[in-house]
C-alpha atoms as a PDB file:
ATOM      1  CA  MET A   1       2.016 -20.123  15.441  1.00  0.00           C
ATOM      2  CA  LYS A   2      -0.580 -17.488  14.619  1.00  0.00           C
ATOM      3  CA  ILE A   3      -0.542 -17.881  10.827  1.00  0.00           C
ATOM      4  CA  THR A   4      -1.274 -21.168   9.161  1.00  0.00           C
ATOM      5  CA  GLU A   5       0.105 -22.406   5.874  1.00  0.00           C
ATOM      6  CA  GLN A   6      -3.423 -22.287   4.427  1.00  0.00           C
ATOM      7  CA  GLU A   7      -3.750 -18.595   5.360  1.00  0.00           C
ATOM      8  CA  VAL A   8      -0.438 -17.784   3.677  1.00  0.00           C
ATOM      9  CA  ARG A   9      -1.552 -19.622   0.545  1.00  0.00           C
ATOM     10  CA  TYR A  10      -4.937 -17.840   0.638  1.00  0.00           C
ATOM     11  CA  VAL A  11      -3.317 -14.386   0.848  1.00  0.00           C
ATOM     12  CA  ALA A  12      -0.823 -15.321  -1.871  1.00  0.00           C
ATOM     13  CA  ASP A  13      -3.722 -16.422  -4.061  1.00  0.00           C
ATOM     14  CA  LEU A  14      -5.493 -13.089  -3.476  1.00  0.00           C
ATOM     15  CA  ALA A  15      -2.297 -11.319  -4.549  1.00  0.00           C
ATOM     16  CA  ASN A  16      -2.023 -13.646  -7.545  1.00  0.00           C
ATOM     17  CA  LEU A  17       1.335 -14.972  -6.332  1.00  0.00           C
ATOM     18  CA  ARG A  18       2.643 -18.442  -6.981  1.00  0.00           C
ATOM     19  CA  LEU A  19       4.771 -19.533  -4.033  1.00  0.00           C
ATOM     20  CA  THR A  20       6.957 -22.572  -3.545  1.00  0.00           C
ATOM     21  CA  ASN A  21       6.606 -24.648  -0.374  1.00  0.00           C
ATOM     22  CA  ALA A  22       9.837 -23.091   0.925  1.00  0.00           C
ATOM     23  CA  GLU A  23       8.505 -19.571   0.308  1.00  0.00           C
ATOM     24  CA  VAL A  24       5.247 -20.394   2.089  1.00  0.00           C
ATOM     25  CA  ALA A  25       7.172 -21.684   5.115  1.00  0.00           C
ATOM     26  CA  ARG A  26       9.417 -18.602   5.180  1.00  0.00           C
ATOM     27  CA  LEU A  27       6.496 -16.179   4.831  1.00  0.00           C
ATOM     28  CA  ARG A  28       4.532 -17.965   7.568  1.00  0.00           C
ATOM     29  CA  LYS A  29       7.496 -17.579   9.900  1.00  0.00           C
ATOM     30  CA  ASP A  30       7.991 -13.908   8.931  1.00  0.00           C
ATOM     31  CA  MET A  31       4.298 -13.135   9.419  1.00  0.00           C
ATOM     32  CA  ASP A  32       4.368 -14.818  12.819  1.00  0.00           C
ATOM     33  CA  HIS A  33       7.268 -12.594  13.873  1.00  0.00           C
ATOM     34  CA  ILE A  34       5.375  -9.510  12.722  1.00  0.00           C
ATOM     35  CA  LEU A  35       2.286 -10.511  14.707  1.00  0.00           C
ATOM     36  CA  GLU A  36       4.389 -11.271  17.793  1.00  0.00           C
ATOM     37  CA  HIS A  37       5.870  -7.778  17.529  1.00  0.00           C
ATOM     38  CA  MET A  38       2.364  -6.298  17.218  1.00  0.00           C
ATOM     39  CA  ASP A  39       1.350  -8.163  20.377  1.00  0.00           C
ATOM     40  CA  LYS A  40       4.272  -6.558  22.223  1.00  0.00           C
ATOM     41  CA  LEU A  41       3.229  -3.121  20.953  1.00  0.00           C
ATOM     42  CA  ASN A  42      -0.344  -3.739  22.100  1.00  0.00           C
ATOM     43  CA  GLU A  43       0.952  -4.251  25.652  1.00  0.00           C
ATOM     44  CA  LEU A  44       2.082  -0.601  25.821  1.00  0.00           C
ATOM     45  CA  ASP A  45      -0.038   1.791  27.869  1.00  0.00           C
ATOM     46  CA  THR A  46      -1.191   4.509  25.478  1.00  0.00           C
ATOM     47  CA  SER A  47      -3.984   5.855  27.690  1.00  0.00           C
ATOM     48  CA  THR A  48      -2.099   9.149  28.243  1.00  0.00           C
ATOM     49  CA  VAL A  49      -1.313   9.706  24.564  1.00  0.00           C
ATOM     50  CA  GLU A  50      -3.511  12.301  22.888  1.00  0.00           C
ATOM     51  CA  PRO A  51      -5.256  10.963  19.784  1.00  0.00           C
ATOM     52  CA  MET A  52      -4.203  12.559  16.512  1.00  0.00           C
ATOM     53  CA  ALA A  53      -6.895  13.894  14.232  1.00  0.00           C
ATOM     54  CA  GLN A  54      -4.476  14.192  11.311  1.00  0.00           C
ATOM     55  CA  VAL A  55      -0.771  14.132  10.637  1.00  0.00           C
ATOM     56  CA  LEU A  56      -0.641  17.749   9.447  1.00  0.00           C
ATOM     57  CA  TYR A  57       0.175  20.256  12.110  1.00  0.00           C
ATOM     58  CA  ASP A  58      -0.581  23.937  12.464  1.00  0.00           C
ATOM     59  CA  ALA A  59       2.565  25.310  10.824  1.00  0.00           C
ATOM     60  CA  GLY A  60       1.231  28.574   9.445  1.00  0.00           C
ATOM     61  CA  GLU A  61       3.433  29.989   6.710  1.00  0.00           C
ATOM     62  CA  THR A  62       6.105  27.292   7.102  1.00  0.00           C
ATOM     63  CA  ALA A  63       3.843  24.464   5.919  1.00  0.00           C
ATOM     64  CA  ALA A  64       5.075  22.800   2.735  1.00  0.00           C
ATOM     65  CA  LEU A  65       1.651  22.921   1.105  1.00  0.00           C
ATOM     66  CA  ARG A  66       0.951  24.931  -2.024  1.00  0.00           C
ATOM     67  CA  ASP A  67      -2.117  27.068  -2.519  1.00  0.00           C
ATOM     68  CA  ASP A  68      -5.014  25.251  -4.124  1.00  0.00           C
ATOM     69  CA  SER A  69      -5.449  27.320  -7.229  1.00  0.00           C
ATOM     70  CA  GLU A  70      -7.023  26.642 -10.589  1.00  0.00           C
ATOM     71  CA  ARG A  71      -4.548  25.719 -13.298  1.00  0.00           C
ATOM     72  CA  PRO A  72      -4.911  24.456 -16.850  1.00  0.00           C
ATOM     73  CA  THR A  73      -5.204  20.691 -17.173  1.00  0.00           C
ATOM     74  CA  LEU A  74      -2.809  18.494 -19.108  1.00  0.00           C
ATOM     75  CA  SER A  75      -3.623  17.856 -22.705  1.00  0.00           C
ATOM     76  CA  ASN A  76      -4.335  14.265 -23.677  1.00  0.00           C
ATOM     77  CA  GLU A  77      -1.072  14.144 -25.634  1.00  0.00           C
ATOM     78  CA  ALA A  78       0.951  15.437 -22.665  1.00  0.00           C
ATOM     79  CA  ALA A  79      -0.686  12.955 -20.301  1.00  0.00           C
ATOM     80  CA  LEU A  80       0.141  10.037 -22.623  1.00  0.00           C
ATOM     81  CA  ALA A  81       3.620  11.267 -23.598  1.00  0.00           C
ATOM     82  CA  ASN A  82       5.485   8.878 -21.267  1.00  0.00           C
ATOM     83  CA  ALA A  83       3.029   5.973 -21.402  1.00  0.00           C
ATOM     84  CA  PRO A  84       4.743   2.734 -22.421  1.00  0.00           C
ATOM     85  CA  VAL A  85       1.697   1.768 -24.495  1.00  0.00           C
ATOM     86  CA  SER A  86      -1.240   3.925 -25.517  1.00  0.00           C
ATOM     87  CA  GLY A  87      -3.958   3.841 -28.096  1.00  0.00           C
ATOM     88  CA  ALA A  88      -7.174   5.652 -28.987  1.00  0.00           C
ATOM     89  CA  GLY A  89      -6.215   8.401 -26.547  1.00  0.00           C
ATOM     90  CA  CYS A  90      -6.021   6.037 -23.557  1.00  0.00           C
ATOM     91  CA  PHE A  91      -3.420   4.228 -21.480  1.00  0.00           C
ATOM     92  CA  LYS A  92      -3.177   0.554 -22.371  1.00  0.00           C
ATOM     93  CA  VAL A  93      -2.410  -1.745 -19.453  1.00  0.00           C
ATOM     94  CA  PRO A  94      -2.068  -5.518 -19.159  1.00  0.00           C
ATOM     95  CA  LEU A  95      -5.056  -7.531 -18.026  1.00  0.00           C
ATOM     96  CA  VAL A  96      -4.687  -8.143 -14.297  1.00  0.00           C
ATOM     97  CA  ILE A  97      -8.104  -9.244 -13.068  1.00  0.00           C
ATOM     98  CA  GLU A  98      -8.398 -12.589 -14.830  1.00  0.00           C
ATOM     99  CA  ARG A  99      -5.724 -15.231 -14.677  1.00  0.00           C
END
């Protein structure tokens, strides 16, 4: 096994997740399978594959990108129109950093 139970619990703690013992065991097994698959992929010979500088390709006029042009910005009211909770002209979000 490549992943230990302690590592699964550590990552879950970083993500602020509370896992049962059964969930930890299942995730450890799933993560092991993922790493085994990555090991198989690493065995492939990619020496003849050209490296990619970016995913965009030279498509000329057919590219689905719009021109970068100056446009008016959203008003504060428009930006907050669909916010579930707002106040004092700002988005209000739940506290997520402290437990």
